[in-house]
Every structure is written in structure tokens, then in C-alpha cells.
Protein backbone atom coordinates (compact mmCIF):
# COMPACT_ATOMS: atom_id res chain seq x y z
CA MET A 1 103.72 75.59 89.93
CA ARG A 2 105.05 79.01 90.78
CA GLY A 3 103.40 81.15 88.11
CA LEU A 4 99.85 81.96 87.00
CA VAL A 5 99.30 83.56 83.60
CA LEU A 6 95.79 84.52 82.51
CA ASP A 7 94.20 85.85 79.37
CA PHE A 8 92.00 88.88 80.00
CA GLY A 9 89.04 88.62 77.60
CA GLY A 10 86.85 85.63 78.43
CA VAL A 11 88.75 84.86 81.66
CA LEU A 12 88.93 88.08 83.72
CA GLY A 13 86.39 90.10 81.75
CA GLY A 14 83.82 89.85 79.00
CA PRO A 15 81.37 87.10 78.03
CA GLY A 16 81.77 83.85 79.94
CA ALA A 17 83.98 85.38 82.60
CA ASP A 18 83.46 85.64 86.34
CA GLY A 19 85.88 88.45 87.00
CA GLU A 20 85.21 88.49 90.72
CA LEU A 21 85.94 84.77 91.12
CA MET A 22 89.13 84.92 89.02
CA ALA A 23 90.31 88.09 90.79
CA GLY A 24 89.99 86.16 94.04
CA VAL A 25 92.10 83.34 92.57
CA VAL A 26 94.79 85.83 91.51
CA GLU A 27 94.73 87.53 94.89
CA GLN A 28 95.11 84.23 96.78
CA ALA A 29 97.91 83.11 94.48
CA ARG A 30 99.82 86.35 94.97
CA ARG A 31 99.39 86.13 98.76
CA HIS A 32 101.10 82.74 98.60
CA GLY A 33 104.08 83.90 96.54
CA VAL A 34 102.85 82.82 93.10
CA ARG A 35 104.03 85.16 90.33
CA THR A 36 101.15 86.41 88.18
CA ALA A 37 100.67 87.86 84.72
CA ILE A 38 98.06 88.82 82.18
CA LEU A 39 98.87 87.75 78.61
CA SER A 40 96.50 89.24 76.05
CA ASN A 41 96.35 89.47 72.28
CA ASP A 42 95.31 93.09 72.80
CA PRO A 43 96.66 95.37 70.05
CA GLY A 44 98.43 97.49 72.67
CA GLY A 45 99.27 101.09 71.99
CA PRO A 46 97.31 103.84 73.77
CA ALA A 47 94.16 101.68 73.98
CA GLY A 48 96.03 99.07 76.06
CA ARG A 49 96.73 101.54 78.86
CA GLY A 50 93.95 100.21 81.12
CA LEU A 51 95.30 96.66 80.89
CA ARG A 52 98.89 97.78 81.47
CA GLU A 53 97.77 99.60 84.62
CA LEU A 54 96.80 96.24 86.15
CA ALA A 55 100.52 95.47 86.52
CA GLY A 56 101.44 96.13 90.13
CA PRO A 57 98.13 96.40 91.94
CA PHE A 58 96.52 93.30 90.41
CA VAL A 59 99.21 91.16 88.73
CA ASP A 60 102.98 91.31 88.55
CA VAL A 61 103.25 91.72 84.78
CA VAL A 62 101.04 92.53 81.78
CA VAL A 63 102.12 91.49 78.29
CA LEU A 64 100.11 92.72 75.32
CA SER A 65 100.68 91.27 71.87
CA GLY A 66 100.62 94.62 70.16
CA ASP A 67 103.32 95.92 72.46
CA VAL A 68 105.72 93.00 71.93
CA GLY A 69 105.05 92.03 68.30
CA LEU A 70 104.07 88.44 69.13
CA ALA A 71 100.65 86.84 69.59
CA LYS A 72 99.17 83.72 71.10
CA PRO A 73 99.47 80.88 70.18
CA ASP A 74 103.10 81.58 69.13
CA ARG A 75 105.26 79.78 71.69
CA ARG A 76 107.61 82.76 71.95
CA ILE A 77 105.01 84.92 73.67
CA TYR A 78 104.51 82.31 76.42
CA GLU A 79 108.28 82.08 76.86
CA LEU A 80 108.44 85.89 77.03
CA VAL A 81 105.76 86.23 79.72
CA ALA A 82 107.41 83.47 81.78
CA GLN A 83 110.76 85.25 81.47
CA ARG A 84 109.18 88.53 82.58
CA ILE A 85 107.86 86.95 85.78
CA GLY A 86 111.22 85.28 86.36
CA LEU A 87 110.17 81.69 85.75
CA ASP A 88 110.57 78.89 83.23
CA PRO A 89 107.42 78.11 81.22
CA GLY A 90 107.24 74.71 82.92
CA GLU A 91 106.66 76.47 86.26
CA CYS A 92 103.56 78.30 84.98
CA VAL A 93 99.84 77.61 84.67
CA PHE A 94 98.22 79.37 81.71
CA VAL A 95 94.45 80.03 81.57
CA ASP A 96 92.55 81.01 78.42
CA ASP A 97 89.07 80.60 77.02
CA LEU A 98 90.41 79.64 73.57
CA VAL A 99 91.59 76.05 73.20
CA GLY A 100 94.17 76.98 70.55
CA ASN A 101 95.87 79.37 72.96
CA VAL A 102 95.90 76.74 75.71
CA ARG A 103 97.52 74.31 73.27
CA GLY A 104 100.11 76.92 72.35
CA ALA A 105 100.99 77.40 76.01
CA ALA A 106 101.28 73.65 76.51
CA ALA A 107 103.56 73.41 73.49
CA ALA A 108 105.79 76.04 75.15
CA GLY A 109 105.92 73.92 78.32
CA MET A 110 103.22 75.54 80.46
CA VAL A 111 100.35 73.67 82.07
CA GLY A 112 97.19 74.78 80.30
CA VAL A 113 93.74 75.29 81.76
CA HIS A 114 90.85 75.83 79.37
CA HIS A 115 88.45 78.37 80.87
CA GLY A 116 85.05 77.11 79.77
CA ASP A 117 83.31 77.37 83.13
CA PRO A 118 84.77 79.83 85.65
CA VAL A 119 84.09 77.64 88.70
CA VAL A 120 85.69 74.58 87.07
CA ALA A 121 88.67 76.61 85.87
CA ALA A 122 89.15 78.16 89.33
CA GLU A 123 89.12 74.72 90.92
CA GLU A 124 91.68 73.40 88.39
CA ILE A 125 93.93 76.35 89.13
CA ARG A 126 93.56 75.76 92.88
CA ILE A 127 94.58 72.13 92.44
CA LEU A 128 97.57 73.01 90.27
CA LEU A 129 98.78 75.73 92.63
CA GLY A 130 97.83 73.84 95.78
CA SER A 131 101.32 72.58 96.43
CA ASP A 132 102.37 76.23 96.72
CA GLY A 133 99.89 76.88 99.51
CA VAL A 134 96.96 78.37 97.60
CA GLY A 135 93.86 77.59 99.62
CA THR A 136 90.34 76.82 98.58
CA VAL A 137 88.96 78.99 95.84
CA GLU A 138 86.04 81.07 97.03
CA ARG A 139 82.97 80.62 94.85
CA THR A 140 80.45 83.24 93.98
CA GLU A 141 76.73 82.50 93.68
CA ARG A 142 75.76 81.88 90.09
């Protein structure tokens, strides 16, 4: 796996998220050459500015549904985000807290990780990206 695509709400921020843990996962992945993206069903427009600003310093690419006219779980949005990070969907791991979105990513060819528990999701990501040199995921006290 050469790409890591994450939802924002419920994975990197908001209820059920451990943003610090997942930020560490993203940072480790990037250090080891994994391409990264945020894919969110955010409505975009001026309110999406804060998410868009994560492109560069935090992830390689941010794709917001409202900006591109597609929404998860439509397979085309997963194909679009993969294209924007220069990979085929089959080279990407997708992480979301909603099962329907994970299924949509899998239907597009990505490997899906359901983010129910942050520690479990981080370990699954580590395993999937391990062949690309991503080391042990650092865990925060819970």
C-alpha cells in the first residue's frame, strides 16, 4: 500500500476520534513515502478553508465533496482522490468511521479500515502500510 486516505470527522476530529494518535499515523506514513489525503463529505466553499489548509503541512491532498460535486460512498470520489495523490485506488488504504463509506471505498478498489476504535484502526493501518516501512504506531494513554 502506497496511499493513506482518511475521513476527517470521526477519524481525525470529533466524537470517537483520537486526533493525536491518527496525526502520528499520518506523520509516520508520510515520513516513509506514503502519499496521504483527507477525503471528507464537507460541503466545501468558504467554510472548508480550514480543512483545505491541511494540504501541504499535514497531508498531501484534501478533497471536499462540496468542492468536487461528488460524495462518499460514490466510487468516483475515491477514484478522484487516488488520482490526485498519483496512485491507483488499489494502492490505497481508506479509513472512515462510517461503514457505508468504507464499503464504497472497497467497491472502488481501496482497502477499507472501519474506524470504530482509534487504537485498533491505527494498528490495522500500521499492518497494511508495514510493507512500506511504517513502524509501530505510537499509542496515547486512554
